[in-house]
Protein backbone atom coordinates (compact mmCIF):
# COMPACT_ATOMS: atom_id res chain seq x y z
CA MET A 1 3.99 13.39 29.71
CA GLN A 2 4.96 9.95 28.00
CA ASN A 3 3.21 9.59 24.54
CA PRO A 4 0.59 6.83 24.34
CA ARG A 5 1.66 3.97 22.39
CA LEU A 6 1.80 3.40 18.50
CA PRO A 7 -0.05 0.73 17.02
CA PRO A 8 1.50 -2.84 17.04
CA PHE A 9 4.13 -3.00 14.21
CA ASN A 10 2.23 -5.47 12.09
CA ALA A 11 -0.94 -3.64 12.02
CA PRO A 12 -1.92 -1.85 9.03
CA ARG A 13 -0.84 1.89 8.85
CA THR A 14 -4.03 4.37 8.77
CA LEU A 15 -4.87 7.92 8.39
CA ASN A 16 -7.46 10.00 9.56
CA VAL A 17 -10.51 9.59 7.05
CA THR A 18 -9.93 13.47 5.98
CA TYR A 19 -7.46 12.16 3.25
CA ALA A 20 -10.10 10.26 1.59
CA ARG A 21 -12.67 13.01 1.70
CA VAL A 22 -10.49 15.85 0.29
CA LEU A 23 -9.43 13.50 -2.51
CA VAL A 24 -13.22 12.35 -3.40
CA GLY A 25 -14.18 16.18 -3.09
CA HIS A 26 -11.63 16.73 -5.74
CA VAL A 27 -12.93 14.82 -8.38
CA GLN A 28 -16.41 15.93 -7.46
CA GLN A 29 -15.20 19.38 -7.79
CA VAL A 30 -13.57 18.80 -10.98
CA ARG A 31 -15.00 16.05 -13.05
CA PRO A 32 -18.17 15.24 -11.23
CA GLU A 33 -19.49 13.25 -14.10
CA LEU A 34 -16.71 11.06 -13.05
CA LEU A 35 -17.68 10.13 -9.74
CA HIS A 36 -19.70 7.45 -10.23
CA LEU A 37 -16.91 5.20 -11.73
CA LEU A 38 -15.27 5.27 -8.45
CA LYS A 39 -16.26 2.07 -6.26
CA ALA A 40 -18.84 2.14 -3.68
CA GLN A 41 -16.11 1.10 -1.01
CA GLN A 42 -13.88 3.74 -2.02
CA LEU A 43 -16.48 6.85 -1.34
CA ALA A 44 -17.73 5.02 1.84
CA CYS A 45 -15.58 7.65 3.59
CA LEU A 46 -18.36 10.20 2.63
CA ALA A 47 -20.66 8.57 5.06
CA GLN A 48 -18.37 8.56 7.79
CA ASN A 49 -19.48 11.23 10.69
CA ASP A 50 -16.94 10.93 13.24
CA PRO A 51 -13.96 13.20 12.70
CA ASN A 52 -11.64 10.72 14.30
CA ASP A 53 -12.35 7.58 11.84
CA ARG A 54 -9.72 6.30 10.16
CA CYS A 55 -8.87 4.68 6.37
CA THR A 56 -6.25 2.67 5.60
CA LEU A 57 -2.97 3.42 3.69
CA ARG A 58 -3.64 0.63 1.22
CA ASP A 59 -6.93 1.96 0.57
CA TRP A 60 -5.97 5.25 0.45
CA HIS A 61 -3.30 4.50 -2.32
CA ALA A 62 -5.91 2.63 -4.17
CA LEU A 63 -8.28 5.66 -4.40
CA ILE A 64 -5.56 8.13 -5.60
CA ASP A 65 -4.75 5.38 -8.21
CA ALA A 66 -8.39 5.34 -9.19
CA ALA A 67 -8.61 9.14 -9.36
CA GLU A 68 -5.60 9.73 -11.23
CA ALA A 69 -6.45 7.17 -13.69
CA LEU A 70 -10.17 8.90 -14.00
CA LEU A 71 -8.72 12.15 -14.19
CA GLY A 72 -5.98 11.58 -16.36
CA THR A 73 -3.41 13.07 -14.15
CA PRO A 74 -0.21 11.03 -13.53
CA ASP A 75 0.10 12.89 -9.99
CA LEU A 76 -2.29 14.28 -8.03
CA VAL A 77 -0.34 15.81 -4.71
CA PRO A 78 0.30 19.23 -5.93
CA GLU A 79 -3.59 19.67 -6.58
CA LEU A 80 -4.48 17.92 -3.47
CA SER A 81 -2.31 19.83 -1.25
CA GLU A 82 -4.47 23.17 -2.43
CA GLN A 83 -7.55 21.88 -1.37
CA PHE A 84 -7.04 21.30 2.18
CA LYS A 85 -7.22 23.34 4.62
CA PRO A 86 -6.89 24.13 8.23
CA TRP A 87 -10.05 22.97 9.45
CA HIS A 88 -9.67 19.87 7.39
CA ALA A 89 -7.25 18.51 10.21
CA GLY A 90 -10.19 19.19 12.65
CA LEU A 91 -9.03 19.39 16.37
CA MET A 92 -5.44 19.03 15.33
CA GLY A 93 -5.84 21.87 12.64
CA PHE A 94 -7.18 24.51 15.24
CA THR A 95 -4.46 23.62 17.71
CA LEU A 96 -2.01 24.50 15.36
CA MET A 97 -3.64 27.69 14.02
CA THR A 98 -3.37 28.72 17.87
CA SER A 99 0.11 28.24 18.86
CA SER A 100 2.71 30.69 19.13
CA THR A 101 5.46 30.14 16.86
CA VAL A 102 6.64 28.24 13.93
CA ASN A 103 8.96 26.07 16.62
CA GLU A 104 6.07 25.48 18.76
CA LEU A 105 3.92 24.45 15.77
CA GLY A 106 6.79 21.81 15.00
CA GLY A 107 6.62 20.70 18.47
CA LEU A 108 2.55 20.25 18.18
CA LEU A 109 2.98 18.18 14.77
CA LYS A 110 5.75 15.77 16.46
CA ARG A 111 3.49 15.30 19.62
CA PHE A 112 0.07 15.08 17.89
CA HIS A 113 1.16 13.81 14.42
CA HIS A 114 -0.80 10.29 15.16
CA LEU A 115 -4.08 12.21 14.65
CA LEU A 116 -3.37 12.59 11.25
CA ASN A 117 -1.78 9.05 10.38
CA ASP A 118 0.40 6.87 11.81
CA VAL A 119 2.34 6.12 8.93
CA PHE A 120 5.33 8.57 9.70
CA VAL A 121 6.36 10.27 12.89
CA VAL A 122 7.74 13.50 12.98
CA ASP A 123 11.07 15.37 14.19
CA HIS A 124 11.53 19.09 14.25
CA GLY A 125 14.51 21.53 15.57
CA VAL A 126 17.01 23.71 14.28
CA ARG A 127 20.18 22.11 12.73
CA GLU A 128 23.08 23.64 10.84
CA ALA A 129 21.27 27.06 11.84
CA ARG A 130 18.17 26.38 10.00
CA PHE A 131 14.73 25.08 11.21
CA PHE A 132 13.65 21.60 10.02
CA LEU A 133 10.54 19.21 9.95
CA ARG A 134 11.16 15.90 8.95
CA LEU A 135 9.09 12.57 8.88
CA ASP A 136 10.40 9.36 9.79
CA ALA A 137 8.74 6.17 8.72
CA ALA A 138 7.03 4.44 11.67
CA THR A 139 7.42 1.05 10.34
CA SER A 140 8.68 -0.76 7.26
CA GLU A 141 5.20 0.11 5.34
CA GLN A 142 6.35 3.66 3.85
CA SER A 143 4.52 6.24 1.42
CA HIS A 144 6.71 8.63 -0.48
CA ARG A 145 3.38 9.72 -1.75
CA LEU A 146 2.13 10.62 1.49
CA ALA A 147 5.35 12.22 2.44
CA ARG A 148 5.18 14.45 -0.64
CA LEU A 149 1.49 15.69 0.18
CA SER A 150 2.50 16.52 4.00
CA PHE A 151 5.35 19.08 3.04
CA CYS A 152 3.31 20.42 0.11
CA ILE A 153 0.38 21.22 2.80
CA TRP A 154 2.91 22.13 5.53
CA ALA A 155 4.61 24.73 3.05
CA ARG A 156 1.39 26.09 2.01
CA ARG A 157 0.16 26.36 5.89
CA LEU A 158 3.37 27.81 6.96
CA ARG A 159 3.23 30.78 4.66
CA TRP A 160 -0.40 31.46 5.60
CA LEU A 161 -0.01 31.23 9.34
CA THR A 162 2.79 33.21 9.32
CA GLY A 163 1.78 35.92 6.82
CA GLN A 164 5.08 35.14 5.04
CA PRO A 165 3.58 34.20 1.18
CA ASP A 166 7.22 34.49 0.02
CA MET A 167 8.60 32.21 2.51
CA ARG A 168 11.42 30.12 0.80
CA LEU A 169 11.82 26.31 1.77
CA ASP A 170 14.00 23.37 0.90
CA VAL A 171 12.96 19.81 0.78
CA SER A 172 14.31 16.59 0.56
CA PHE A 173 12.18 13.46 -0.46
CA ALA A 174 13.38 9.84 0.10
CA GLY A 175 11.41 8.65 -3.01
CA PRO A 176 11.79 8.97 -6.45
CA PRO A 177 10.92 12.03 -8.64
CA PRO A 178 7.82 12.88 -10.12
CA ALA A 179 7.42 13.05 -13.86
CA ASP A 180 6.81 16.84 -13.52
CA MET A 181 8.81 18.39 -10.57
CA ALA A 182 7.62 21.92 -11.72
CA PRO A 183 4.74 22.18 -9.12
CA TYR A 184 6.85 21.20 -6.27
CA ARG A 185 9.54 23.84 -7.28
CA ARG A 186 6.59 26.21 -7.41
CA ILE A 187 5.10 25.26 -4.12
CA PHE A 188 8.27 25.29 -1.88
CA GLY A 189 10.18 28.15 -3.65
CA GLY A 190 13.39 26.56 -2.84
CA THR A 191 15.67 23.62 -3.52
CA VAL A 192 13.56 20.15 -4.00
CA ARG A 193 15.37 17.16 -3.73
CA PHE A 194 14.24 13.48 -4.52
CA ASP A 195 16.00 9.94 -3.99
CA GLN A 196 17.42 11.37 -0.74
CA ASN A 197 18.27 9.58 2.47
CA ASP A 198 15.15 11.28 4.18
CA ASN A 199 12.14 13.43 4.06
CA THR A 200 12.93 16.98 5.42
CA LEU A 201 11.42 20.41 5.04
CA TRP A 202 13.84 23.46 5.52
CA GLY A 203 13.37 26.64 6.39
CA ASP A 204 15.86 29.60 7.60
CA SER A 205 16.69 29.87 11.32
CA GLU A 206 14.60 33.01 11.41
CA CYS A 207 11.71 30.71 10.35
CA ALA A 208 11.39 29.07 13.78
CA GLN A 209 10.68 32.10 15.70
CA LEU A 210 8.08 33.59 13.25
CA PRO A 211 4.82 34.24 15.09
CA ILE A 212 1.74 32.36 14.23
CA LEU A 213 -1.08 35.12 13.14
CA SER A 214 -3.88 33.80 14.58
CA GLN A 215 -2.28 32.41 17.98
CA ASP A 216 -4.45 32.52 21.24
CA ALA A 217 -2.66 31.30 24.66
CA ALA A 218 -6.12 30.41 26.25
CA SER A 219 -8.09 28.67 23.33
CA HIS A 220 -4.46 26.77 22.62
CA ALA A 221 -4.35 25.48 26.03
CA LEU A 222 -7.78 24.02 26.05
CA LEU A 223 -7.56 22.73 22.53
CA CYS A 224 -4.23 20.94 23.48
CA GLY A 225 -5.87 18.90 25.99
CA GLN A 226 -8.47 17.95 23.99
CA ALA A 227 -5.99 16.96 21.36
CA GLN A 228 -4.27 14.63 24.13
CA LYS A 229 -7.67 13.07 25.04
CA HIS A 230 -8.48 11.86 21.24
CA LEU A 231 -4.57 10.63 21.10
CA GLU A 232 -5.15 8.57 23.71
CA GLN A 233 -8.33 7.13 22.76
CA LEU A 234 -7.04 6.53 19.03
CA SER A 235 -3.71 4.82 20.30
CA HIS A 236 -5.85 2.45 22.44
CA SER A 237 -8.73 1.85 20.45
CA ALA A 238 -6.95 -1.25 18.36
CA ASP A 239 -5.48 -2.52 21.55
CA ARG A 240 -9.15 -2.61 23.03
CA PHE A 241 -10.70 -4.78 20.04
CA ILE A 242 -7.58 -6.90 20.21
CA GLU A 243 -8.00 -7.66 23.99
CA GLN A 244 -11.88 -7.91 23.96
CA LEU A 245 -11.36 -10.48 21.02
CA GLN A 246 -8.78 -12.30 22.96
CA VAL A 247 -11.44 -12.36 25.88
CA VAL A 248 -14.16 -14.18 23.88
CA ILE A 249 -12.07 -16.59 22.63
CA ARG A 250 -10.34 -17.25 25.73
CA THR A 251 -14.07 -18.10 26.94
CA ARG A 252 -14.95 -19.82 24.36
CA LEU A 253 -12.17 -22.14 24.62
CA ASP A 254 -12.94 -23.03 27.98
CA ALA A 255 -16.42 -23.85 26.71
CA GLY A 256 -14.57 -26.22 23.97
CA LYS A 257 -15.87 -24.50 20.70
CA VAL A 258 -14.51 -21.65 18.94
CA THR A 259 -16.01 -20.41 15.82
CA LEU A 260 -15.72 -16.77 14.26
CA GLU A 261 -19.46 -16.79 13.62
CA ASP A 262 -20.18 -17.85 17.69
CA VAL A 263 -17.39 -14.98 18.42
CA ALA A 264 -18.76 -12.55 16.08
CA THR A 265 -22.25 -12.94 17.80
CA GLU A 266 -20.80 -12.34 21.29
CA LEU A 267 -19.35 -8.73 20.29
CA HIS A 268 -22.37 -8.07 18.41
CA LEU A 269 -21.26 -8.01 14.92
CA PRO A 270 -22.16 -9.58 11.77
CA PRO A 271 -19.20 -12.14 10.74
CA ARG A 272 -18.10 -10.04 7.66
CA THR A 273 -17.55 -7.18 9.81
CA LEU A 274 -15.49 -9.45 12.43
CA GLN A 275 -13.60 -10.58 9.27
CA ARG A 276 -12.96 -7.33 8.12
CA ARG A 277 -11.81 -5.52 11.28
CA LEU A 278 -9.31 -8.76 11.71
CA GLU A 279 -8.09 -8.16 8.25
CA GLU A 280 -7.66 -4.20 8.58
CA SER A 281 -5.54 -4.98 11.83
CA ASN A 282 -3.45 -7.58 9.71
CA LEU A 283 -4.76 -10.27 12.10
CA ASN A 284 -5.61 -13.80 11.50
CA PHE A 285 -8.77 -15.58 13.51
CA ARG A 286 -7.08 -19.06 13.36
CA LEU A 287 -3.86 -17.63 14.52
CA MET A 288 -5.49 -15.51 16.99
CA VAL A 289 -7.02 -18.88 18.46
CA ASP A 290 -3.73 -20.60 18.57
CA GLY A 291 -2.24 -17.90 20.31
CA VAL A 292 -4.78 -17.88 23.19
CA ARG A 293 -4.47 -21.49 23.41
CA ASN A 294 -0.70 -21.19 23.86
CA SER A 295 -1.10 -18.72 26.49
CA GLN A 296 -3.92 -20.78 28.06
CA ALA A 297 -1.91 -23.73 27.79
CA GLN A 298 1.06 -22.18 29.43
CA HIS A 299 -1.02 -20.97 32.27
CA TYR A 300 -2.84 -24.44 33.48
CA LEU A 301 0.76 -26.22 33.06
CA SER A 302 2.54 -23.45 35.51
CA GLU A 303 -0.25 -22.99 37.74
CA THR A 304 -2.29 -26.45 38.27
CA GLU A 305 -1.29 -29.97 38.20
CA MET A 306 -4.25 -31.24 35.85
CA PRO A 307 -2.66 -34.35 34.37
CA LEU A 308 -1.55 -33.70 30.70
CA VAL A 309 -4.24 -35.97 29.38
CA GLU A 310 -6.99 -34.14 31.16
CA LEU A 311 -5.60 -30.61 30.29
CA ALA A 312 -5.59 -31.78 26.51
CA SER A 313 -9.35 -32.65 26.43
CA ALA A 314 -10.34 -29.55 28.53
CA MET A 315 -8.50 -27.74 25.82
CA GLY A 316 -10.29 -29.09 22.98
CA PHE A 317 -7.51 -31.25 21.59
CA ALA A 318 -8.57 -34.83 20.44
CA ASP A 319 -6.21 -36.64 22.38
CA HIS A 320 -2.97 -36.09 24.26
CA ALA A 321 -0.58 -36.57 20.92
CA SER A 322 -2.17 -33.58 19.24
CA PHE A 323 -1.85 -31.55 22.14
CA ASN A 324 1.85 -32.37 22.57
CA ARG A 325 2.25 -31.48 18.71
CA ALA A 326 0.81 -28.42 18.84
CA PHE A 327 2.70 -27.47 22.42
CA LYS A 328 5.95 -28.39 20.87
CA ARG A 329 5.05 -26.16 17.92
CA TRP A 330 4.52 -23.29 20.15
CA THR A 331 7.54 -23.63 22.75
CA GLY A 332 9.88 -25.97 21.55
CA LEU A 333 9.29 -28.07 24.40
CA SER A 334 6.91 -31.01 25.32
CA PRO A 335 3.94 -29.92 27.71
CA GLY A 336 5.56 -32.41 30.49
CA ALA A 337 8.77 -30.78 29.84
CA PHE A 338 7.62 -27.35 30.14
CA ARG A 339 6.13 -28.06 33.54
CA ARG A 340 9.06 -29.39 34.79
CA SER A 341 11.20 -26.51 33.62
CA ARG A 342 8.49 -24.06 35.53
CA ALA A 343 8.51 -26.12 38.43
CA THR A 344 12.54 -26.28 38.62
CA ALA A 345 12.06 -22.09 37.96
CA VAL A 346 9.93 -21.61 41.34
CA ILE A 347 12.37 -23.91 43.33
């Protein structure tokens, strides 16, 4: 089965809200008197009830920065990795727990990792007689901190799921080393390198075939099916929002008026909420309107014989000259030249 499409390249990277909840929970456990110093916006994750809710990578980094400053800890990653339990990963965690071997677990991480975050994609396999898990950046927006946290969690989880507390793992990180590398050496037990070309976790060749102690074939099949549905829903949710927004803008353009407030009303959203969702998707309302206008103009020029002056007026331009300038900016051609080129192409 082909994997669902990842979010558009320019969309902000996101994580399951659990990453933020565990962090806030850690502050609450270690220094509860400091919790009120976190901003209300940073505590909003505690009010989210849907296990599939997301937070942006940018907001998560800001939350860790705030927590590290409050606790006086320069690097919270090793401590946080200890707080993550299998159930924190929700459906994904239980799917991994019921798999049969470490190699199958690696395949599941590759298949369903988007449920955890879309910052990285996972690769796994056996190379040079060693089992490996690798994190590749999904876009140019990277996070060395999240790579370290992911591998620290996986190292702890692999030992627990296989009943091998002394499992030795080597790891390479693309980012710079932290001030204190000792916690990382304790977590992995093997060679820990920073400033490398990639983020890769290595285990002995026998590691791939180690059985998962909690494996359950019947439950696993059911969980995989549910995880696939969640993955498809998540992968298409951003696209559905953008498509719905474009439809409303297109309708409003046909009526000759487009404002963010009017579009928000039609979407049954407060204007501020719509603006926030646009920012979260790295979208600009004016540019979206511009893009829909461009598509509409090309459609009308290709499919109708409406005079250019009438078309400019119907699309809300002050005059033909304004329409001409806008269309040249969009396509590099005048409306008339574009229409003639389409007519020639059809012939």
